[in-house]
Protein backbone atom coordinates (compact mmCIF):
# COMPACT_ATOMS: atom_id res chain seq x y z
CA MET A 1 -3.91 5.92 12.07
CA GLN A 2 -5.25 7.83 14.52
CA ARG A 3 -3.32 9.21 17.55
CA VAL A 4 -3.90 6.90 20.39
CA ASP A 5 -4.39 8.54 24.04
CA ALA A 6 -1.78 6.70 25.99
CA VAL A 7 0.35 7.12 28.78
CA ILE A 8 4.34 6.77 28.84
CA ARG A 9 5.51 5.90 32.10
CA GLU A 10 8.15 4.20 34.17
CA PRO A 11 6.95 0.39 34.49
CA ARG A 12 6.29 -1.32 38.01
CA LEU A 13 7.32 -5.02 39.04
CA THR A 14 3.75 -5.85 38.78
CA ASP A 15 3.63 -5.02 35.10
CA ALA A 16 6.73 -7.69 34.48
CA GLU A 17 4.24 -10.67 33.65
CA THR A 18 2.12 -8.33 30.95
CA ILE A 19 5.53 -6.85 29.64
CA ALA A 20 6.68 -10.44 29.10
CA ALA A 21 3.54 -11.60 26.93
CA LEU A 22 3.98 -8.28 25.06
CA HIS A 23 7.33 -8.77 24.44
CA VAL A 24 6.32 -12.13 22.76
CA THR A 25 3.30 -10.84 21.06
CA THR A 26 5.30 -7.84 19.39
CA TRP A 27 8.09 -10.28 18.49
CA ARG A 28 5.83 -12.83 16.74
CA GLU A 29 4.14 -9.93 14.88
CA THR A 30 7.85 -8.04 13.90
CA TYR A 31 9.71 -11.72 13.19
CA GLY A 32 7.01 -14.52 13.14
CA HIS A 33 8.04 -14.42 9.17
CA LEU A 34 11.92 -14.95 10.33
CA LEU A 35 11.54 -17.59 13.05
CA PRO A 36 10.41 -20.96 12.95
CA ASP A 37 6.65 -21.60 14.42
CA ASP A 38 8.38 -23.64 17.34
CA PHE A 39 10.76 -20.64 18.32
CA PHE A 40 7.43 -19.24 20.13
CA THR A 41 6.96 -21.49 22.91
CA GLY A 42 5.83 -21.34 26.43
CA GLU A 43 9.71 -21.69 27.34
CA LEU A 44 10.39 -18.09 25.48
CA LEU A 45 7.60 -16.41 27.33
CA ASP A 46 9.21 -17.83 30.86
CA ARG A 47 12.71 -16.56 29.87
CA ARG A 48 10.91 -13.24 29.06
CA ARG A 49 9.16 -13.29 32.53
CA ARG A 50 12.19 -13.98 34.29
CA MET A 51 14.12 -11.58 32.33
CA TRP A 52 11.52 -8.40 32.93
CA THR A 53 11.52 -9.64 36.62
CA ARG A 54 15.05 -8.92 37.00
CA ILE A 55 15.12 -5.74 34.68
CA LEU A 56 12.49 -4.33 36.79
CA THR A 57 13.86 -5.66 40.29
CA ASP A 58 17.40 -4.91 40.04
CA SER A 59 17.43 -1.58 38.33
CA ARG A 60 20.26 -0.22 36.92
CA PRO A 61 20.86 3.35 37.20
CA GLU A 62 22.09 3.55 33.57
CA HIS A 63 18.81 1.84 32.11
CA VAL A 64 15.51 3.47 31.08
CA VAL A 65 12.47 1.59 30.60
CA ARG A 66 9.31 3.01 29.54
CA VAL A 67 5.89 1.49 28.91
CA ALA A 68 2.95 2.77 26.98
CA GLU A 69 -0.64 2.45 28.28
CA ALA A 70 -3.71 2.74 26.92
CA GLY A 71 -7.15 1.76 28.11
CA GLY A 72 -5.50 0.25 30.66
CA GLU A 73 -3.47 -2.26 28.58
CA LEU A 74 0.48 -2.05 27.77
CA ILE A 75 0.57 -1.72 24.00
CA GLY A 76 4.38 -1.04 24.03
CA PHE A 77 7.71 -0.78 25.64
CA ALA A 78 11.54 0.30 25.18
CA MET A 79 14.56 0.08 27.09
CA SER A 80 17.63 1.90 26.61
CA GLY A 81 20.99 2.16 28.58
CA ILE A 82 24.84 2.75 27.88
CA SER A 83 26.61 0.98 25.04
CA ASP A 84 30.48 -0.16 25.29
CA GLU A 85 31.15 2.88 23.55
CA GLY A 86 29.69 4.60 26.45
CA ILE A 87 27.01 6.56 24.65
CA PRO A 88 23.34 6.06 24.69
CA GLN A 89 22.15 2.81 23.18
CA LEU A 90 18.50 1.74 22.75
CA TYR A 91 18.41 -1.89 23.37
CA MET A 92 14.52 -2.37 22.33
CA LEU A 93 11.54 -0.66 21.12
CA TYR A 94 8.32 -2.54 20.84
CA VAL A 95 4.61 -1.49 19.88
CA LEU A 96 1.41 -3.81 19.03
CA ALA A 97 1.13 -3.92 15.27
CA ALA A 98 -2.39 -2.29 15.51
CA GLN A 99 -0.97 0.70 17.15
CA HIS A 100 1.82 1.13 14.27
CA GLY A 101 1.47 4.99 12.86
CA ALA A 102 -0.33 6.05 16.19
CA GLY A 103 2.86 7.83 17.36
CA ILE A 104 3.40 5.43 20.36
CA GLY A 105 6.99 4.55 18.75
CA GLN A 106 7.84 8.10 18.94
CA ARG A 107 6.78 8.89 22.18
CA LEU A 108 8.52 5.59 23.80
CA PHE A 109 11.68 6.43 21.75
CA ASP A 110 11.88 9.61 23.07
CA GLY A 111 11.24 8.84 26.60
CA VAL A 112 14.19 6.53 26.83
CA LEU A 113 16.43 7.95 24.60
CA PRO A 114 18.09 11.52 24.82
CA PRO A 115 19.10 13.72 21.83
CA GLY A 116 22.63 13.35 20.51
CA PRO A 117 24.63 10.67 19.83
CA ALA A 118 23.59 7.15 20.18
CA VAL A 119 23.56 3.51 18.86
CA LEU A 120 21.24 0.79 18.28
CA TRP A 121 21.02 -2.55 16.45
CA VAL A 122 18.04 -3.28 14.08
CA ALA A 123 17.12 -6.69 12.13
CA LYS A 124 18.04 -5.82 8.66
CA GLU A 125 14.53 -7.59 7.74
CA ASN A 126 12.57 -4.78 9.53
CA PRO A 127 12.17 -1.98 6.96
CA ARG A 128 9.52 -0.48 9.00
CA ALA A 129 12.08 -0.09 12.12
CA ILE A 130 14.78 1.19 9.96
CA ALA A 131 12.73 3.93 8.29
CA PHE A 132 11.74 4.98 11.79
CA TYR A 133 15.29 5.07 13.08
CA ARG A 134 16.26 7.03 9.76
CA ARG A 135 13.71 9.52 10.43
CA ASN A 136 15.27 9.65 13.82
CA GLY A 137 18.59 10.73 12.52
CA PHE A 138 20.35 7.37 12.31
CA ALA A 139 22.31 5.42 9.80
CA PHE A 140 24.01 2.25 9.27
CA ASP A 141 27.82 1.95 9.97
CA GLY A 142 28.24 -1.14 8.64
CA ALA A 143 28.62 -3.49 11.48
CA GLU A 144 26.20 -6.64 11.60
CA GLN A 145 25.85 -9.56 13.87
CA SER A 146 23.35 -12.24 14.38
CA ASP A 147 22.27 -14.50 17.47
CA SER A 148 22.41 -18.32 17.18
CA GLY A 149 19.40 -18.04 19.16
CA THR A 150 17.43 -16.25 16.58
CA ALA A 151 19.05 -18.07 13.69
CA GLY A 152 17.69 -16.21 10.30
CA ILE A 153 17.83 -12.76 12.03
CA VAL A 154 20.91 -10.63 10.77
CA GLU A 155 21.02 -7.27 13.06
CA ALA A 156 23.14 -4.10 11.74
CA ARG A 157 24.23 -1.30 14.10
CA MET A 158 22.90 2.25 13.14
CA VAL A 159 24.45 5.14 15.05
CA ARG A 160 23.28 8.97 15.10
């Protein structure tokens, strides 16, 4: 895919609604084959809207959030913070499937996560993300977890 002329920027509170919708869309694209159809409800969008409004309203100094915008539309987002171990942790990184391979994910990743030691959790059934994180120096450390709210998705920890 060709590189997309996208701007990576800090989100504004007015972006909360759009990021919430993008969050649901990218989850459907990424995990739709692992989650039941009734997972993607209006309530999920409402929860994401509340979550993003809270994140963008009550910003914490340890959190770094960036969005990718192209042609006036948001096409991806990423967020990092500090893990329980006191090192940077990537909390989320999602890009619309239509933009995969255009370098947007790497630019978002680089915008929220500094070089050096870091940790993240990735769905074991997400080979594209796993390959991306491996290219960025991450390896599995053997830890796994699952969330009862997303039954069917097992996450594995990767460290760098």
